[in-house]
Amino acid sequence: MIICSKCGKDNELGRVFCTSCGTKLDLTHMSKQAIAKSNEESWLSSHWKNFILVPLILIVLVVVGLVLWPNTELIGGKPVSVSGGKVERMIASLTNLKAGQRIGPYIVTEQELNGYLETVVVKKANLTAMKVKLSKELVTASMVKVFAEIDSAKAKIKVPIAVSCDAKCVPVGGKLKIAKASIGHMKLFGPLLKVAEVVFGKVLASAPNIVNLNAVDEIKVDDGKVSVFVSKK
């Protein structure tokens, strides 16, 4: 409130003239309550951005932390002992597929497929590791890329700075459809599953003759093996 210096009337903030006697109001006659309220409003007006920015920064940090916290359940262990040559030759042979021809099934074991991923795809895509696990009507794929390692002298360990991408895929005709996926420990839902499709698509696109797999028209997945049929119209 602003107190009129002439008649002593309390006037609301924002008034220029006294509502009682019409005298021009002097802001130096504000009441203590009005001064405190004005200071509070001034503080809020100058700090309101912080109330928005701080939560946004925290959200970004949480998201980045989840992404850079790799989920490496299928990564690691001893390298596979089976070469990826069989799978590589099979994919290359599809170049000679003739129109109207349908061939299959090509049966590939989990070890053979992982051998191909380790010796061909990982190197071509410059990954740290990539593996799959085959079970009844389900392909679980996981890959990780380590960008750097931070040495911890006290703990005597190396902390990796890495990004991993994991996906559970189900066969639909001649394609594998991603049903669940995550980047690091951040789960992807709905339209965000497209992110995992793009990531895996770019990685596989680096392999030679991979375009030949467009001829696959049926995929059957069982425990430890996958069967594919190919045709050319």
Foldseek 3Di string as FASTA:
>chain_A
DFAAPPPRDDDDPPDQADPPPRHGTDPVRDDPVVVVVVVVVVVCVVCVVVVVVVVVVVVVVVVLVQLQQADQPPDDDDQQPAALVVVLVVLVVLVPADAPDKDDWDKDFQSNVLNCCVPFLCVLLVFPGKGWFFAFQKIKIKTKHFPDWDADPVVRDTHTRMKMKIFIWGDDFLDTHTPWIDIRNHTADDPRVVVSVVVVVVSQVSGPSSVSSVQWGGWGTHGGMIITMGHHD
